[in-house]
Amino acid sequence: SEAIASDELLYAPLTQVTKNVIKASKGRVKAIYISNTNAAVRYFQLHNKATAPAGTDVPLQSFPVPAGSATAPGVLILDRNFFGEDSGDFDTGLGWAISTTFATFTDSATNTEHIVEVLYE
């Protein structure tokens, strides 16, 4: 990760995983960017845990990422205006996942079809 002012910017390309932990302690999400080259909608999930999400974990937040293709990926961008100063708090840790279902983590997305960037502190 690379320090930028008081925030840390984490680039987490999904070439190896569909889930990960950003921070294993209390943190706050400031902005996210996710792309999807799969022809089906995927769900970017934020989990309040200090480890990577496991199958059937229930996310704290789940966001649909539009379907796309290799030449025209679907993109979801949520910036500081969305998260604001008092939202995006995670007391335990910042875990994330790309799921094929909205309400729980279903680990069946293809790991090479997404790019994830999270700005957090």
N, C-alpha and C. Protein backbone atom coordinates (compact mmCIF):
# COMPACT_ATOMS: atom_id res chain seq x y z
N SER A 1 0.83 -1.19 0.00
CA SER A 1 0.00 0.00 0.00
C SER A 1 0.87 1.24 0.00
N GLU A 2 0.30 2.33 -0.42
CA GLU A 2 1.03 3.58 -0.59
C GLU A 2 0.35 4.67 0.24
N ALA A 3 1.12 5.37 1.04
CA ALA A 3 0.54 6.42 1.88
C ALA A 3 0.29 7.67 1.06
N ILE A 4 -0.89 8.24 1.21
CA ILE A 4 -1.26 9.48 0.55
C ILE A 4 -1.91 10.35 1.61
N ALA A 5 -1.26 11.44 1.98
CA ALA A 5 -1.73 12.32 3.06
C ALA A 5 -2.01 11.45 4.28
N SER A 6 -3.22 11.55 4.87
CA SER A 6 -3.53 10.74 6.05
C SER A 6 -4.25 9.45 5.67
N ASP A 7 -4.50 9.23 4.40
CA ASP A 7 -5.17 8.02 3.94
C ASP A 7 -4.16 7.05 3.36
N GLU A 8 -4.56 5.79 3.27
CA GLU A 8 -3.77 4.81 2.56
C GLU A 8 -4.60 4.34 1.39
N LEU A 9 -3.97 4.22 0.23
CA LEU A 9 -4.67 3.76 -0.96
C LEU A 9 -4.22 2.34 -1.26
N LEU A 10 -5.14 1.43 -1.26
CA LEU A 10 -4.82 0.03 -1.50
C LEU A 10 -5.34 -0.37 -2.86
N TYR A 11 -4.47 -0.86 -3.71
CA TYR A 11 -4.88 -1.43 -4.98
C TYR A 11 -4.89 -2.94 -4.81
N ALA A 12 -6.03 -3.56 -4.97
CA ALA A 12 -6.15 -5.00 -4.76
C ALA A 12 -6.69 -5.66 -6.02
N PRO A 13 -5.86 -5.91 -7.02
CA PRO A 13 -6.36 -6.56 -8.22
C PRO A 13 -6.75 -8.01 -7.92
N LEU A 14 -7.85 -8.43 -8.49
CA LEU A 14 -8.36 -9.77 -8.22
C LEU A 14 -7.81 -10.82 -9.18
N THR A 15 -6.53 -10.78 -9.42
CA THR A 15 -5.94 -11.78 -10.30
C THR A 15 -5.66 -13.07 -9.55
N GLN A 16 -5.72 -13.04 -8.21
CA GLN A 16 -5.44 -14.24 -7.43
C GLN A 16 -6.55 -14.58 -6.45
N VAL A 17 -7.37 -13.62 -6.08
CA VAL A 17 -8.38 -13.88 -5.05
C VAL A 17 -9.69 -13.16 -5.37
N THR A 18 -10.76 -13.65 -4.77
CA THR A 18 -12.06 -12.98 -4.85
C THR A 18 -12.44 -12.40 -3.50
N LYS A 19 -11.51 -12.47 -2.56
CA LYS A 19 -11.74 -11.95 -1.21
C LYS A 19 -10.39 -11.62 -0.59
N ASN A 20 -10.41 -10.67 0.35
CA ASN A 20 -9.18 -10.30 1.02
C ASN A 20 -9.53 -9.46 2.23
N VAL A 21 -8.53 -9.17 3.04
CA VAL A 21 -8.70 -8.25 4.15
C VAL A 21 -7.82 -7.04 3.86
N ILE A 22 -8.39 -5.86 3.95
CA ILE A 22 -7.66 -4.62 3.70
C ILE A 22 -6.89 -4.22 4.94
N LYS A 23 -7.57 -4.32 6.08
CA LYS A 23 -7.00 -3.89 7.34
C LYS A 23 -7.55 -4.77 8.45
N ALA A 24 -6.66 -5.34 9.26
CA ALA A 24 -7.08 -6.28 10.32
C ALA A 24 -7.35 -5.55 11.63
N SER A 25 -7.74 -4.31 11.55
CA SER A 25 -8.09 -3.52 12.73
C SER A 25 -9.11 -2.47 12.30
N LYS A 26 -9.58 -1.69 13.26
CA LYS A 26 -10.60 -0.68 12.97
C LYS A 26 -10.16 0.22 11.81
N GLY A 27 -11.11 0.53 10.92
CA GLY A 27 -10.80 1.38 9.78
C GLY A 27 -12.04 2.03 9.22
N ARG A 28 -11.84 2.88 8.25
CA ARG A 28 -12.94 3.60 7.61
C ARG A 28 -12.71 3.60 6.09
N VAL A 29 -13.73 3.20 5.36
CA VAL A 29 -13.67 3.24 3.90
C VAL A 29 -13.98 4.66 3.46
N LYS A 30 -13.16 5.19 2.54
CA LYS A 30 -13.36 6.55 2.03
C LYS A 30 -13.89 6.54 0.59
N ALA A 31 -13.43 5.59 -0.23
CA ALA A 31 -13.87 5.52 -1.63
C ALA A 31 -13.53 4.14 -2.18
N ILE A 32 -14.30 3.70 -3.19
CA ILE A 32 -14.01 2.44 -3.85
C ILE A 32 -14.20 2.57 -5.37
N TYR A 33 -13.43 1.78 -6.09
CA TYR A 33 -13.55 1.64 -7.55
C TYR A 33 -13.50 0.15 -7.84
N ILE A 34 -14.49 -0.37 -8.55
CA ILE A 34 -14.52 -1.78 -8.92
C ILE A 34 -14.93 -1.88 -10.38
N SER A 35 -14.22 -2.71 -11.13
CA SER A 35 -14.64 -3.00 -12.50
C SER A 35 -14.98 -4.48 -12.62
N ASN A 36 -15.83 -4.80 -13.59
CA ASN A 36 -16.33 -6.15 -13.79
C ASN A 36 -16.39 -6.44 -15.29
N THR A 37 -15.64 -7.43 -15.75
CA THR A 37 -15.69 -7.80 -17.16
C THR A 37 -16.58 -9.02 -17.41
N ASN A 38 -17.23 -9.52 -16.37
CA ASN A 38 -18.14 -10.65 -16.53
C ASN A 38 -19.46 -10.17 -17.10
N ALA A 39 -20.14 -11.02 -17.86
CA ALA A 39 -21.42 -10.66 -18.47
C ALA A 39 -22.57 -10.64 -17.46
N ALA A 40 -22.30 -11.00 -16.21
CA ALA A 40 -23.33 -10.97 -15.16
C ALA A 40 -22.95 -9.95 -14.09
N VAL A 41 -23.96 -9.41 -13.43
CA VAL A 41 -23.73 -8.50 -12.31
C VAL A 41 -22.98 -9.24 -11.22
N ARG A 42 -22.03 -8.57 -10.59
CA ARG A 42 -21.33 -9.08 -9.41
C ARG A 42 -21.60 -8.12 -8.26
N TYR A 43 -21.32 -8.54 -7.05
CA TYR A 43 -21.57 -7.72 -5.87
C TYR A 43 -20.27 -7.53 -5.10
N PHE A 44 -19.90 -6.27 -4.92
CA PHE A 44 -18.73 -5.95 -4.11
C PHE A 44 -19.22 -5.81 -2.68
N GLN A 45 -18.64 -6.59 -1.79
CA GLN A 45 -19.09 -6.61 -0.41
C GLN A 45 -18.00 -6.13 0.54
N LEU A 46 -18.42 -5.38 1.54
CA LEU A 46 -17.54 -4.95 2.63
C LEU A 46 -17.98 -5.69 3.88
N HIS A 47 -17.02 -6.31 4.54
CA HIS A 47 -17.28 -7.12 5.74
C HIS A 47 -16.54 -6.52 6.93
N ASN A 48 -17.20 -6.50 8.07
CA ASN A 48 -16.60 -5.98 9.29
C ASN A 48 -15.87 -7.12 10.00
N LYS A 49 -14.69 -7.47 9.48
CA LYS A 49 -13.92 -8.56 10.08
C LYS A 49 -12.44 -8.38 9.78
N ALA A 50 -11.62 -8.98 10.60
CA ALA A 50 -10.16 -8.82 10.51
C ALA A 50 -9.52 -9.89 9.63
N THR A 51 -10.33 -10.71 8.99
CA THR A 51 -9.85 -11.74 8.08
C THR A 51 -10.66 -11.66 6.79
N ALA A 52 -10.18 -12.34 5.77
CA ALA A 52 -10.93 -12.38 4.51
C ALA A 52 -12.28 -13.08 4.75
N PRO A 53 -13.33 -12.61 4.08
CA PRO A 53 -14.64 -13.25 4.23
C PRO A 53 -14.60 -14.73 3.84
N ALA A 54 -15.46 -15.51 4.47
CA ALA A 54 -15.64 -16.92 4.14
C ALA A 54 -17.02 -17.11 3.53
N GLY A 55 -17.21 -18.21 2.85
CA GLY A 55 -18.49 -18.49 2.22
C GLY A 55 -19.66 -18.36 3.18
N THR A 56 -20.71 -17.75 2.75
CA THR A 56 -21.96 -17.47 3.45
C THR A 56 -21.85 -16.37 4.51
N ASP A 57 -20.68 -15.72 4.66
CA ASP A 57 -20.61 -14.55 5.55
C ASP A 57 -21.58 -13.49 5.07
N VAL A 58 -22.17 -12.77 6.00
CA VAL A 58 -23.11 -11.69 5.68
C VAL A 58 -22.34 -10.37 5.69
N PRO A 59 -22.37 -9.63 4.58
CA PRO A 59 -21.62 -8.37 4.52
C PRO A 59 -22.30 -7.25 5.30
N LEU A 60 -21.50 -6.29 5.70
CA LEU A 60 -22.05 -5.07 6.29
C LEU A 60 -22.67 -4.21 5.19
N GLN A 61 -22.02 -4.19 4.02
CA GLN A 61 -22.53 -3.46 2.85
C GLN A 61 -22.28 -4.30 1.60
N SER A 62 -23.22 -4.25 0.65
CA SER A 62 -23.11 -4.98 -0.61
C SER A 62 -23.57 -4.07 -1.73
N PHE A 63 -22.74 -3.95 -2.78
CA PHE A 63 -23.01 -3.02 -3.88
C PHE A 63 -22.99 -3.76 -5.21
N PRO A 64 -24.03 -3.63 -6.03
CA PRO A 64 -23.99 -4.26 -7.35
C PRO A 64 -22.98 -3.58 -8.27
N VAL A 65 -22.19 -4.40 -8.95
CA VAL A 65 -21.24 -3.92 -9.96
C VAL A 65 -21.81 -4.34 -11.30
N PRO A 66 -22.11 -3.39 -12.18
CA PRO A 66 -22.77 -3.73 -13.45
C PRO A 66 -22.00 -4.77 -14.26
N ALA A 67 -22.76 -5.54 -15.03
CA ALA A 67 -22.15 -6.50 -15.96
C ALA A 67 -21.33 -5.75 -17.00
N GLY A 68 -20.38 -6.43 -17.58
CA GLY A 68 -19.54 -5.79 -18.59
C GLY A 68 -18.93 -6.82 -19.52
N SER A 69 -17.89 -6.38 -20.21
CA SER A 69 -17.14 -7.26 -21.11
C SER A 69 -15.67 -6.84 -21.05
N ALA A 70 -14.82 -7.58 -21.73
CA ALA A 70 -13.39 -7.24 -21.73
C ALA A 70 -13.14 -5.87 -22.34
N THR A 71 -13.95 -5.47 -23.32
CA THR A 71 -13.75 -4.17 -23.97
C THR A 71 -14.57 -3.04 -23.36
N ALA A 72 -15.59 -3.40 -22.58
CA ALA A 72 -16.43 -2.38 -21.93
C ALA A 72 -16.84 -2.89 -20.55
N PRO A 73 -15.92 -2.84 -19.59
CA PRO A 73 -16.25 -3.36 -18.26
C PRO A 73 -17.32 -2.54 -17.56
N GLY A 74 -18.11 -3.22 -16.73
CA GLY A 74 -19.02 -2.51 -15.84
C GLY A 74 -18.19 -1.89 -14.73
N VAL A 75 -18.58 -0.71 -14.27
CA VAL A 75 -17.78 0.01 -13.28
C VAL A 75 -18.69 0.54 -12.17
N LEU A 76 -18.20 0.44 -10.94
CA LEU A 76 -18.86 1.04 -9.79
C LEU A 76 -17.83 1.93 -9.10
N ILE A 77 -18.20 3.20 -8.91
CA ILE A 77 -17.34 4.14 -8.20
C ILE A 77 -18.17 4.77 -7.10
N LEU A 78 -17.72 4.64 -5.87
CA LEU A 78 -18.34 5.31 -4.73
C LEU A 78 -17.25 6.15 -4.08
N ASP A 79 -17.45 7.45 -4.05
CA ASP A 79 -16.39 8.34 -3.57
C ASP A 79 -16.68 8.86 -2.17
N ARG A 80 -15.89 9.83 -1.75
CA ARG A 80 -16.03 10.41 -0.42
C ARG A 80 -17.41 11.02 -0.20
N ASN A 81 -18.05 11.49 -1.26
CA ASN A 81 -19.40 12.04 -1.12
C ASN A 81 -20.39 10.95 -0.70
N PHE A 82 -20.20 9.74 -1.18
CA PHE A 82 -21.08 8.63 -0.82
C PHE A 82 -20.84 8.21 0.63
N PHE A 83 -19.58 7.98 0.99
CA PHE A 83 -19.26 7.48 2.33
C PHE A 83 -19.33 8.56 3.39
N GLY A 84 -19.08 9.82 3.04
CA GLY A 84 -19.15 10.92 4.00
C GLY A 84 -18.13 10.77 5.12
N GLU A 85 -18.20 11.64 6.08
CA GLU A 85 -17.24 11.63 7.19
C GLU A 85 -17.61 10.63 8.27
N ASP A 86 -18.90 10.31 8.39
CA ASP A 86 -19.33 9.46 9.50
C ASP A 86 -19.83 8.09 9.06
N SER A 87 -19.57 7.70 7.83
CA SER A 87 -19.99 6.37 7.39
C SER A 87 -18.77 5.59 6.92
N GLY A 88 -18.97 4.35 6.68
CA GLY A 88 -17.87 3.50 6.22
C GLY A 88 -16.97 3.05 7.36
N ASP A 89 -17.45 3.13 8.62
CA ASP A 89 -16.66 2.69 9.77
C ASP A 89 -16.78 1.19 9.97
N PHE A 90 -15.66 0.55 10.23
CA PHE A 90 -15.61 -0.88 10.50
C PHE A 90 -14.81 -1.07 11.77
N ASP A 91 -15.48 -1.52 12.85
CA ASP A 91 -14.84 -1.62 14.16
C ASP A 91 -13.85 -2.77 14.27
N THR A 92 -14.09 -3.87 13.57
CA THR A 92 -13.23 -5.05 13.70
C THR A 92 -12.12 -5.07 12.66
N GLY A 93 -12.45 -4.78 11.43
CA GLY A 93 -11.49 -4.79 10.33
C GLY A 93 -12.21 -4.54 9.03
N LEU A 94 -11.43 -4.42 7.95
CA LEU A 94 -11.98 -4.16 6.62
C LEU A 94 -11.74 -5.36 5.72
N GLY A 95 -12.75 -6.20 5.60
CA GLY A 95 -12.67 -7.32 4.67
C GLY A 95 -13.52 -7.01 3.44
N TRP A 96 -13.13 -7.53 2.29
CA TRP A 96 -13.92 -7.32 1.08
C TRP A 96 -14.06 -8.63 0.32
N ALA A 97 -15.07 -8.68 -0.55
CA ALA A 97 -15.29 -9.86 -1.37
C ALA A 97 -16.03 -9.47 -2.65
N ILE A 98 -15.83 -10.26 -3.69
CA ILE A 98 -16.64 -10.18 -4.91
C ILE A 98 -17.53 -11.42 -4.89
N SER A 99 -18.83 -11.19 -4.87
CA SER A 99 -19.80 -12.27 -4.72
C SER A 99 -20.72 -12.35 -5.93
N THR A 100 -21.28 -13.53 -6.12
CA THR A 100 -22.29 -13.69 -7.16
C THR A 100 -23.70 -13.52 -6.60
N THR A 101 -23.80 -13.30 -5.28
CA THR A 101 -25.08 -13.05 -4.63
C THR A 101 -24.99 -11.80 -3.77
N PHE A 102 -26.11 -11.13 -3.55
CA PHE A 102 -26.13 -9.85 -2.85
C PHE A 102 -26.03 -9.98 -1.33
N ALA A 103 -26.84 -10.85 -0.73
CA ALA A 103 -27.04 -10.85 0.72
C ALA A 103 -25.99 -11.62 1.52
N THR A 104 -25.36 -12.62 0.92
CA THR A 104 -24.29 -13.36 1.58
C THR A 104 -23.14 -13.52 0.60
N PHE A 105 -21.97 -13.85 1.11
CA PHE A 105 -20.81 -14.04 0.24
C PHE A 105 -20.86 -15.42 -0.39
N THR A 106 -21.00 -15.45 -1.71
CA THR A 106 -20.93 -16.68 -2.50
C THR A 106 -19.67 -16.58 -3.34
N ASP A 107 -18.70 -17.41 -3.02
CA ASP A 107 -17.37 -17.33 -3.63
C ASP A 107 -17.30 -18.14 -4.92
N SER A 108 -18.02 -17.67 -5.95
CA SER A 108 -17.98 -18.36 -7.24
C SER A 108 -17.69 -17.40 -8.40
N ALA A 109 -17.29 -16.17 -8.10
CA ALA A 109 -16.88 -15.23 -9.15
C ALA A 109 -15.50 -15.64 -9.67
N THR A 110 -15.21 -15.27 -10.90
CA THR A 110 -13.90 -15.56 -11.50
C THR A 110 -12.92 -14.48 -11.09
N ASN A 111 -11.80 -14.88 -10.52
CA ASN A 111 -10.88 -13.93 -9.90
C ASN A 111 -10.19 -12.98 -10.88
N THR A 112 -10.12 -13.27 -12.14
CA THR A 112 -9.43 -12.40 -13.10
C THR A 112 -10.34 -11.38 -13.77
N GLU A 113 -11.61 -11.34 -13.42
CA GLU A 113 -12.57 -10.47 -14.11
C GLU A 113 -12.86 -9.16 -13.39
N HIS A 114 -12.09 -8.86 -12.35
CA HIS A 114 -12.38 -7.67 -11.55
C HIS A 114 -11.11 -6.94 -11.14
N ILE A 115 -11.23 -5.64 -10.99
CA ILE A 115 -10.18 -4.83 -10.39
C ILE A 115 -10.83 -4.06 -9.25
N VAL A 116 -10.18 -4.07 -8.10
CA VAL A 116 -10.70 -3.41 -6.92
C VAL A 116 -9.67 -2.42 -6.41
N GLU A 117 -10.11 -1.21 -6.13
CA GLU A 117 -9.28 -0.21 -5.47
C GLU A 117 -10.09 0.37 -4.33
N VAL A 118 -9.48 0.44 -3.15
CA VAL A 118 -10.17 0.95 -1.97
C VAL A 118 -9.30 2.03 -1.32
N LEU A 119 -9.88 3.17 -1.08
CA LEU A 119 -9.22 4.23 -0.33
C LEU A 119 -9.74 4.14 1.10
N TYR A 120 -8.85 4.02 2.05
CA TYR A 120 -9.28 3.82 3.44
C TYR A 120 -8.30 4.49 4.38
N GLU A 121 -8.73 4.57 5.64
CA GLU A 121 -7.83 5.03 6.69
C GLU A 121 -8.01 4.19 7.92
